[in-house]
Amino acid sequence: MDSPLKRQGSLQAFSLMELMVVIIIISIMVAFAIPNFTASVLRAHERDAVSQLLSLHAANLVYYGQAGGYLPGTNLDFNAINSGLNINLIPGSSKMSYNYSGFDSGGDITAFQANAIWDGGVFIIRVDQRAAATSVTLNPCCALAGSCPTLGNC
């Protein structure tokens, strides 16, 4: 029968070199994963903003049909947009802010512009009264050239 001292001496363990190789491999994997994760998060927030702005665009077209002009107001925040258009858009994140301005021409609000601003200006997505998602013009579009993950510039 083996003594306890003999059994302890025969235990196998990892060498320092093996541990260092594993740590290096994990570090390389993390170095590639973090930028991809960050880009995926930005694309997800961009898609959310586009969805919200297209809903706002559609609601404003309904408002135009009923009132004969777009929602009036300058620099309206998210709550004012929801109450003015009688919709229930959900902001989705505390880092995303929205603003809206209706522009008048002789008393009628004939144009509007709404922006979704991520994290104080990392990217800004804009929608206006033009037809949404046409092939001629991008609506919604990226207001800061090259800052949006997938959208083209305004």
N, C-alpha and C. Protein backbone atom coordinates (compact mmCIF):
# COMPACT_ATOMS: atom_id res chain seq x y z
N MET A 1 0.84 -1.18 0.00
CA MET A 1 0.00 0.00 0.00
C MET A 1 0.88 1.24 0.00
N ASP A 2 0.51 2.21 -0.83
CA ASP A 2 1.30 3.44 -0.92
C ASP A 2 1.07 4.32 0.28
N SER A 3 2.12 4.95 0.69
CA SER A 3 1.98 5.90 1.80
C SER A 3 1.46 7.22 1.26
N PRO A 4 0.84 8.05 2.12
CA PRO A 4 0.34 9.35 1.67
C PRO A 4 1.44 10.24 1.12
N LEU A 5 2.65 10.11 1.61
CA LEU A 5 3.73 10.95 1.12
C LEU A 5 4.08 10.62 -0.32
N LYS A 6 4.04 9.35 -0.67
CA LYS A 6 4.36 8.95 -2.04
C LYS A 6 3.29 9.45 -3.02
N ARG A 7 2.04 9.39 -2.59
CA ARG A 7 0.96 9.82 -3.48
C ARG A 7 1.05 11.33 -3.76
N GLN A 8 1.41 12.12 -2.79
CA GLN A 8 1.51 13.57 -3.01
C GLN A 8 2.63 13.89 -3.99
N GLY A 9 3.69 13.19 -3.94
CA GLY A 9 4.80 13.45 -4.84
C GLY A 9 4.50 13.08 -6.28
N SER A 10 3.56 12.21 -6.51
CA SER A 10 3.26 11.78 -7.88
C SER A 10 2.14 12.61 -8.53
N LEU A 11 1.59 13.58 -7.82
CA LEU A 11 0.53 14.41 -8.41
C LEU A 11 1.09 15.25 -9.54
N GLN A 12 0.30 15.40 -10.57
CA GLN A 12 0.73 16.19 -11.72
C GLN A 12 0.15 17.59 -11.61
N ALA A 13 0.87 18.57 -12.12
CA ALA A 13 0.42 19.97 -12.10
C ALA A 13 0.85 20.64 -13.40
N PHE A 14 0.33 21.83 -13.63
CA PHE A 14 0.71 22.59 -14.82
C PHE A 14 2.02 23.32 -14.54
N SER A 15 2.84 23.39 -15.55
CA SER A 15 4.08 24.14 -15.39
C SER A 15 3.79 25.62 -15.61
N LEU A 16 4.69 26.46 -15.22
CA LEU A 16 4.54 27.90 -15.40
C LEU A 16 4.45 28.24 -16.89
N MET A 17 5.18 27.57 -17.71
CA MET A 17 5.16 27.81 -19.15
C MET A 17 3.79 27.48 -19.74
N GLU A 18 3.20 26.39 -19.34
CA GLU A 18 1.87 26.03 -19.84
C GLU A 18 0.84 27.06 -19.43
N LEU A 19 0.90 27.53 -18.21
CA LEU A 19 -0.04 28.56 -17.75
C LEU A 19 0.14 29.86 -18.53
N MET A 20 1.37 30.22 -18.81
CA MET A 20 1.62 31.46 -19.58
C MET A 20 1.09 31.34 -21.00
N VAL A 21 1.24 30.18 -21.62
CA VAL A 21 0.72 29.98 -22.98
C VAL A 21 -0.80 30.10 -22.99
N VAL A 22 -1.47 29.52 -22.02
CA VAL A 22 -2.93 29.60 -21.94
C VAL A 22 -3.37 31.05 -21.73
N ILE A 23 -2.69 31.78 -20.88
CA ILE A 23 -3.03 33.19 -20.62
C ILE A 23 -2.83 34.02 -21.88
N ILE A 24 -1.77 33.76 -22.62
CA ILE A 24 -1.52 34.50 -23.86
C ILE A 24 -2.61 34.21 -24.89
N ILE A 25 -3.00 32.96 -25.02
CA ILE A 25 -4.05 32.60 -25.98
C ILE A 25 -5.37 33.26 -25.60
N ILE A 26 -5.72 33.25 -24.33
CA ILE A 26 -6.96 33.90 -23.87
C ILE A 26 -6.88 35.40 -24.11
N SER A 27 -5.74 36.01 -23.88
CA SER A 27 -5.57 37.46 -24.11
C SER A 27 -5.77 37.81 -25.58
N ILE A 28 -5.25 37.00 -26.46
CA ILE A 28 -5.41 37.25 -27.90
C ILE A 28 -6.89 37.14 -28.28
N MET A 29 -7.57 36.15 -27.76
CA MET A 29 -9.00 35.99 -28.05
C MET A 29 -9.79 37.19 -27.55
N VAL A 30 -9.50 37.67 -26.37
CA VAL A 30 -10.19 38.84 -25.81
C VAL A 30 -9.89 40.08 -26.63
N ALA A 31 -8.66 40.22 -27.10
CA ALA A 31 -8.29 41.39 -27.90
C ALA A 31 -9.11 41.47 -29.19
N PHE A 32 -9.50 40.33 -29.74
CA PHE A 32 -10.34 40.33 -30.94
C PHE A 32 -11.82 40.44 -30.58
N ALA A 33 -12.22 39.93 -29.46
CA ALA A 33 -13.64 39.89 -29.10
C ALA A 33 -14.17 41.24 -28.66
N ILE A 34 -13.42 42.02 -27.91
CA ILE A 34 -13.93 43.28 -27.35
C ILE A 34 -14.31 44.28 -28.44
N PRO A 35 -13.46 44.54 -29.44
CA PRO A 35 -13.89 45.48 -30.50
C PRO A 35 -15.13 44.99 -31.25
N ASN A 36 -15.22 43.69 -31.52
CA ASN A 36 -16.40 43.15 -32.20
C ASN A 36 -17.64 43.33 -31.35
N PHE A 37 -17.51 43.13 -30.06
CA PHE A 37 -18.64 43.30 -29.16
C PHE A 37 -19.09 44.76 -29.14
N THR A 38 -18.14 45.68 -29.05
CA THR A 38 -18.46 47.11 -29.03
C THR A 38 -19.17 47.52 -30.32
N ALA A 39 -18.67 47.06 -31.45
CA ALA A 39 -19.31 47.39 -32.72
C ALA A 39 -20.71 46.80 -32.80
N SER A 40 -20.91 45.61 -32.28
CA SER A 40 -22.24 44.99 -32.27
C SER A 40 -23.20 45.78 -31.41
N VAL A 41 -22.75 46.26 -30.29
CA VAL A 41 -23.60 47.07 -29.41
C VAL A 41 -24.00 48.35 -30.12
N LEU A 42 -23.07 49.03 -30.78
CA LEU A 42 -23.40 50.26 -31.50
C LEU A 42 -24.39 49.99 -32.63
N ARG A 43 -24.20 48.88 -33.37
CA ARG A 43 -25.15 48.55 -34.44
C ARG A 43 -26.54 48.28 -33.88
N ALA A 44 -26.62 47.64 -32.74
CA ALA A 44 -27.92 47.36 -32.12
C ALA A 44 -28.61 48.66 -31.71
N HIS A 45 -27.86 49.58 -31.14
CA HIS A 45 -28.46 50.87 -30.75
C HIS A 45 -28.85 51.69 -31.99
N GLU A 46 -28.07 51.58 -33.04
CA GLU A 46 -28.41 52.27 -34.28
C GLU A 46 -29.72 51.72 -34.84
N ARG A 47 -29.87 50.40 -34.86
CA ARG A 47 -31.12 49.79 -35.36
C ARG A 47 -32.31 50.22 -34.51
N ASP A 48 -32.12 50.29 -33.20
CA ASP A 48 -33.19 50.74 -32.31
C ASP A 48 -33.57 52.18 -32.63
N ALA A 49 -32.59 53.05 -32.81
CA ALA A 49 -32.87 54.45 -33.13
C ALA A 49 -33.58 54.58 -34.47
N VAL A 50 -33.15 53.82 -35.46
CA VAL A 50 -33.79 53.87 -36.78
C VAL A 50 -35.25 53.43 -36.66
N SER A 51 -35.49 52.37 -35.91
CA SER A 51 -36.85 51.88 -35.71
C SER A 51 -37.72 52.94 -35.04
N GLN A 52 -37.21 53.58 -34.01
CA GLN A 52 -37.97 54.63 -33.32
C GLN A 52 -38.24 55.81 -34.26
N LEU A 53 -37.23 56.22 -35.01
CA LEU A 53 -37.42 57.36 -35.91
C LEU A 53 -38.37 57.04 -37.06
N LEU A 54 -38.36 55.81 -37.55
CA LEU A 54 -39.33 55.45 -38.60
C LEU A 54 -40.75 55.42 -38.05
N SER A 55 -40.90 55.01 -36.79
CA SER A 55 -42.22 55.06 -36.16
C SER A 55 -42.67 56.50 -35.98
N LEU A 56 -41.75 57.35 -35.57
CA LEU A 56 -42.06 58.79 -35.42
C LEU A 56 -42.44 59.38 -36.78
N HIS A 57 -41.70 58.99 -37.82
CA HIS A 57 -41.99 59.48 -39.17
C HIS A 57 -43.41 59.08 -39.59
N ALA A 58 -43.75 57.82 -39.38
CA ALA A 58 -45.07 57.34 -39.76
C ALA A 58 -46.17 58.04 -38.96
N ALA A 59 -45.94 58.24 -37.66
CA ALA A 59 -46.93 58.92 -36.82
C ALA A 59 -47.09 60.37 -37.27
N ASN A 60 -46.01 60.99 -37.69
CA ASN A 60 -46.10 62.38 -38.13
C ASN A 60 -46.83 62.49 -39.47
N LEU A 61 -46.72 61.47 -40.31
CA LEU A 61 -47.50 61.47 -41.55
C LEU A 61 -48.99 61.35 -41.26
N VAL A 62 -49.35 60.53 -40.28
CA VAL A 62 -50.75 60.43 -39.85
C VAL A 62 -51.21 61.77 -39.28
N TYR A 63 -50.37 62.39 -38.46
CA TYR A 63 -50.68 63.70 -37.88
C TYR A 63 -50.91 64.71 -39.01
N TYR A 64 -50.05 64.68 -40.03
CA TYR A 64 -50.19 65.60 -41.16
C TYR A 64 -51.53 65.39 -41.87
N GLY A 65 -51.93 64.14 -42.04
CA GLY A 65 -53.21 63.85 -42.68
C GLY A 65 -54.39 64.37 -41.89
N GLN A 66 -54.28 64.36 -40.56
CA GLN A 66 -55.39 64.82 -39.72
C GLN A 66 -55.38 66.32 -39.50
N ALA A 67 -54.18 66.92 -39.34
CA ALA A 67 -54.09 68.33 -38.95
C ALA A 67 -53.71 69.25 -40.10
N GLY A 68 -53.31 68.71 -41.23
CA GLY A 68 -52.92 69.55 -42.36
C GLY A 68 -51.51 70.11 -42.23
N GLY A 69 -50.73 69.63 -41.31
CA GLY A 69 -49.33 70.04 -41.13
C GLY A 69 -48.66 69.09 -40.17
N TYR A 70 -47.36 69.16 -40.12
CA TYR A 70 -46.62 68.30 -39.20
C TYR A 70 -46.69 68.86 -37.79
N LEU A 71 -46.30 68.04 -36.82
CA LEU A 71 -46.31 68.44 -35.42
C LEU A 71 -45.47 69.71 -35.24
N PRO A 72 -46.06 70.78 -34.66
CA PRO A 72 -45.28 72.00 -34.43
C PRO A 72 -44.39 71.86 -33.20
N GLY A 73 -43.41 72.71 -33.12
CA GLY A 73 -42.54 72.75 -31.95
C GLY A 73 -41.09 72.75 -32.34
N THR A 74 -40.26 73.29 -31.45
CA THR A 74 -38.83 73.35 -31.69
C THR A 74 -38.11 72.67 -30.54
N ASN A 75 -37.18 71.79 -30.86
CA ASN A 75 -36.39 71.06 -29.87
C ASN A 75 -37.25 70.32 -28.86
N LEU A 76 -38.29 69.65 -29.34
CA LEU A 76 -39.14 68.86 -28.46
C LEU A 76 -38.38 67.63 -27.98
N ASP A 77 -38.57 67.27 -26.72
CA ASP A 77 -37.93 66.07 -26.20
C ASP A 77 -38.83 64.86 -26.43
N PHE A 78 -38.40 63.72 -25.95
CA PHE A 78 -39.09 62.46 -26.21
C PHE A 78 -40.51 62.46 -25.67
N ASN A 79 -40.72 62.97 -24.47
CA ASN A 79 -42.06 63.01 -23.89
C ASN A 79 -42.99 63.92 -24.67
N ALA A 80 -42.48 65.06 -25.11
CA ALA A 80 -43.29 65.99 -25.90
C ALA A 80 -43.64 65.40 -27.26
N ILE A 81 -42.71 64.66 -27.84
CA ILE A 81 -42.98 63.99 -29.12
C ILE A 81 -44.09 62.96 -28.94
N ASN A 82 -43.97 62.15 -27.90
CA ASN A 82 -44.98 61.11 -27.65
C ASN A 82 -46.36 61.73 -27.44
N SER A 83 -46.44 62.76 -26.62
CA SER A 83 -47.75 63.36 -26.35
C SER A 83 -48.28 64.12 -27.56
N GLY A 84 -47.41 64.80 -28.30
CA GLY A 84 -47.84 65.56 -29.47
C GLY A 84 -48.36 64.69 -30.59
N LEU A 85 -47.71 63.56 -30.81
CA LEU A 85 -48.12 62.66 -31.88
C LEU A 85 -49.05 61.55 -31.40
N ASN A 86 -49.32 61.53 -30.09
CA ASN A 86 -50.18 60.53 -29.47
C ASN A 86 -49.67 59.11 -29.76
N ILE A 87 -48.38 58.93 -29.52
CA ILE A 87 -47.74 57.63 -29.71
C ILE A 87 -47.02 57.25 -28.43
N ASN A 88 -46.50 56.04 -28.39
CA ASN A 88 -45.79 55.57 -27.21
C ASN A 88 -44.46 54.95 -27.62
N LEU A 89 -43.57 55.80 -28.12
CA LEU A 89 -42.23 55.33 -28.43
C LEU A 89 -41.49 55.09 -27.12
N ILE A 90 -40.62 54.10 -27.12
CA ILE A 90 -39.86 53.76 -25.92
C ILE A 90 -38.40 54.14 -26.16
N PRO A 91 -37.82 54.95 -25.28
CA PRO A 91 -36.46 55.42 -25.55
C PRO A 91 -35.42 54.31 -25.60
N GLY A 92 -35.61 53.20 -24.91
CA GLY A 92 -34.72 52.07 -25.01
C GLY A 92 -33.47 52.15 -24.17
N SER A 93 -32.84 53.29 -24.04
CA SER A 93 -31.60 53.40 -23.29
C SER A 93 -31.47 54.80 -22.73
N SER A 94 -30.83 54.90 -21.59
CA SER A 94 -30.62 56.21 -20.99
C SER A 94 -29.57 57.02 -21.77
N LYS A 95 -28.78 56.35 -22.61
CA LYS A 95 -27.77 57.05 -23.40
C LYS A 95 -28.32 57.61 -24.71
N MET A 96 -29.55 57.23 -25.08
CA MET A 96 -30.14 57.70 -26.32
C MET A 96 -31.09 58.85 -26.02
N SER A 97 -30.90 59.97 -26.70
CA SER A 97 -31.83 61.09 -26.55
C SER A 97 -32.39 61.43 -27.93
N TYR A 98 -33.57 62.01 -27.91
CA TYR A 98 -34.26 62.36 -29.14
C TYR A 98 -34.65 63.83 -29.10
N ASN A 99 -34.64 64.48 -30.26
CA ASN A 99 -35.21 65.82 -30.35
C ASN A 99 -35.93 65.96 -31.69
N TYR A 100 -36.82 66.92 -31.74
CA TYR A 100 -37.70 67.09 -32.89
C TYR A 100 -37.94 68.58 -33.09
N SER A 101 -37.96 69.00 -34.34
CA SER A 101 -38.31 70.38 -34.67
C SER A 101 -39.20 70.38 -35.90
N GLY A 102 -40.32 71.11 -35.80
CA GLY A 102 -41.20 71.33 -36.94
C GLY A 102 -40.96 72.72 -37.47
N PHE A 103 -40.80 72.87 -38.78
CA PHE A 103 -40.48 74.16 -39.38
C PHE A 103 -41.70 74.68 -40.12
N ASP A 104 -42.02 75.95 -39.88
CA ASP A 104 -43.22 76.50 -40.52
C ASP A 104 -42.87 77.35 -41.73
N SER A 105 -43.87 77.44 -42.59
CA SER A 105 -43.77 78.26 -43.78
C SER A 105 -45.11 78.96 -43.93
N GLY A 106 -45.18 80.19 -43.48
CA GLY A 106 -46.43 80.93 -43.55
C GLY A 106 -47.49 80.41 -42.60
N GLY A 107 -47.08 79.93 -41.44
CA GLY A 107 -48.03 79.47 -40.44
C GLY A 107 -48.28 77.98 -40.45
N ASP A 108 -48.01 77.31 -41.54
CA ASP A 108 -48.18 75.85 -41.61
C ASP A 108 -46.84 75.16 -41.39
N ILE A 109 -46.87 74.08 -40.63
CA ILE A 109 -45.65 73.30 -40.41
C ILE A 109 -45.49 72.39 -41.62
N THR A 110 -44.58 72.76 -42.50
CA THR A 110 -44.42 72.05 -43.77
C THR A 110 -43.20 71.12 -43.79
N ALA A 111 -42.42 71.14 -42.74
CA ALA A 111 -41.24 70.28 -42.69
C ALA A 111 -40.94 69.94 -41.23
N PHE A 112 -40.27 68.82 -41.04
CA PHE A 112 -39.82 68.47 -39.70
C PHE A 112 -38.50 67.73 -39.77
N GLN A 113 -37.83 67.71 -38.66
CA GLN A 113 -36.59 66.96 -38.54
C GLN A 113 -36.52 66.38 -37.14
N ALA A 114 -36.24 65.10 -37.04
CA ALA A 114 -36.09 64.44 -35.75
C ALA A 114 -34.72 63.77 -35.71
N ASN A 115 -34.09 63.83 -34.55
CA ASN A 115 -32.76 63.26 -34.37
C ASN A 115 -32.75 62.28 -33.21
N ALA A 116 -32.00 61.22 -33.37
CA ALA A 116 -31.69 60.30 -32.27
C ALA A 116 -30.19 60.45 -32.02
N ILE A 117 -29.84 60.81 -30.80
CA ILE A 117 -28.45 61.10 -30.47
C ILE A 117 -27.98 60.07 -29.46
N TRP A 118 -26.94 59.31 -29.83
CA TRP A 118 -26.42 58.27 -28.95
C TRP A 118 -25.24 58.80 -28.15
N ASP A 119 -25.34 58.70 -26.85
CA ASP A 119 -24.25 58.97 -25.91
C ASP A 119 -23.61 60.34 -26.13
N GLY A 120 -24.44 61.36 -26.23
CA GLY A 120 -23.94 62.72 -26.36
C GLY A 120 -23.35 63.07 -27.71
N GLY A 121 -23.49 62.23 -28.69
CA GLY A 121 -23.02 62.56 -30.03
C GLY A 121 -22.07 61.56 -30.66
N VAL A 122 -21.98 60.35 -30.11
CA VAL A 122 -21.17 59.32 -30.76
C VAL A 122 -21.69 59.12 -32.19
N PHE A 123 -23.01 59.02 -32.32
CA PHE A 123 -23.62 59.09 -33.64
C PHE A 123 -24.97 59.77 -33.51
N ILE A 124 -25.39 60.43 -34.59
CA ILE A 124 -26.69 61.11 -34.65
C ILE A 124 -27.39 60.63 -35.91
N ILE A 125 -28.61 60.13 -35.73
CA ILE A 125 -29.41 59.65 -36.85
C ILE A 125 -30.56 60.63 -37.04
N ARG A 126 -30.81 60.99 -38.29
CA ARG A 126 -31.81 62.01 -38.60
C ARG A 126 -32.87 61.45 -39.53
N VAL A 127 -34.11 61.88 -39.30
CA VAL A 127 -35.21 61.58 -40.21
C VAL A 127 -35.96 62.89 -40.43
N ASP A 128 -36.52 63.06 -41.64
CA ASP A 128 -37.30 64.26 -41.91
C ASP A 128 -38.54 63.88 -42.72
N GLN A 129 -39.21 64.86 -43.32
CA GLN A 129 -40.50 64.63 -43.95
C GLN A 129 -40.40 63.90 -45.28
N ARG A 130 -39.21 63.73 -45.82
CA ARG A 130 -39.07 62.99 -47.08
C ARG A 130 -39.57 61.56 -46.90
N ALA A 131 -39.87 60.90 -47.99
CA ALA A 131 -40.30 59.51 -47.92
C ALA A 131 -39.21 58.68 -47.26
N ALA A 132 -39.61 57.84 -46.34
CA ALA A 132 -38.63 57.02 -45.61
C ALA A 132 -38.11 55.90 -46.49
N ALA A 133 -36.82 55.65 -46.39
CA ALA A 133 -36.15 54.51 -47.02
C ALA A 133 -36.35 54.47 -48.54
N THR A 134 -36.19 55.60 -49.20
CA THR A 134 -36.24 55.59 -50.66
C THR A 134 -34.85 55.32 -51.20
N SER A 135 -34.77 54.93 -52.44
CA SER A 135 -33.46 54.63 -53.02
C SER A 135 -32.71 55.90 -53.41
N VAL A 136 -33.43 57.00 -53.64
CA VAL A 136 -32.79 58.24 -54.08
C VAL A 136 -32.09 58.93 -52.90
N THR A 137 -32.77 59.04 -51.79
CA THR A 137 -32.20 59.71 -50.63
C THR A 137 -32.28 58.78 -49.43
N LEU A 138 -31.35 58.94 -48.54
CA LEU A 138 -31.37 58.14 -47.33
C LEU A 138 -32.21 58.84 -46.28
N ASN A 139 -33.21 58.21 -45.79
CA ASN A 139 -34.05 58.74 -44.74
C ASN A 139 -34.59 57.56 -43.94
N PRO A 140 -34.09 57.30 -42.78
CA PRO A 140 -33.16 58.09 -41.98
C PRO A 140 -31.71 57.98 -42.48
N CYS A 141 -30.91 58.93 -42.01
CA CYS A 141 -29.51 58.97 -42.43
C CYS A 141 -28.63 59.38 -41.25
N CYS A 142 -27.33 59.31 -41.46
CA CYS A 142 -26.36 59.63 -40.41
C CYS A 142 -25.99 61.11 -40.51
N ALA A 143 -26.26 61.86 -39.46
CA ALA A 143 -26.02 63.30 -39.48
C ALA A 143 -24.54 63.65 -39.29
N LEU A 144 -23.78 62.79 -38.63
CA LEU A 144 -22.33 63.01 -38.48
C LEU A 144 -21.62 62.07 -39.45
N ALA A 145 -20.99 62.63 -40.45
CA ALA A 145 -20.39 61.83 -41.51
C ALA A 145 -19.47 60.74 -40.95
N GLY A 146 -19.77 59.50 -41.31
CA GLY A 146 -18.92 58.38 -40.95
C GLY A 146 -19.03 57.89 -39.52
N SER A 147 -19.93 58.45 -38.72
CA SER A 147 -19.98 58.04 -37.32
C SER A 147 -20.95 56.89 -37.06
N CYS A 148 -21.92 56.68 -37.93
CA CYS A 148 -22.90 55.62 -37.74
C CYS A 148 -22.32 54.29 -38.21
N PRO A 149 -22.63 53.21 -37.49
CA PRO A 149 -22.07 51.91 -37.88
C PRO A 149 -22.47 51.43 -39.27
N THR A 150 -23.73 51.65 -39.69
CA THR A 150 -24.16 51.10 -40.98
C THR A 150 -24.85 52.10 -41.89
N LEU A 151 -25.38 53.19 -41.37
CA LEU A 151 -26.13 54.14 -42.19
C LEU A 151 -25.22 55.04 -43.04
N GLY A 152 -25.76 55.47 -44.18
CA GLY A 152 -25.05 56.44 -45.00
C GLY A 152 -25.22 57.85 -44.47
N ASN A 153 -24.42 58.76 -44.97
CA ASN A 153 -24.45 60.16 -44.51
C ASN A 153 -25.60 60.93 -45.12
N CYS A 154 -26.06 61.94 -44.40
CA CYS A 154 -27.13 62.81 -44.90
C CYS A 154 -26.60 63.72 -45.99
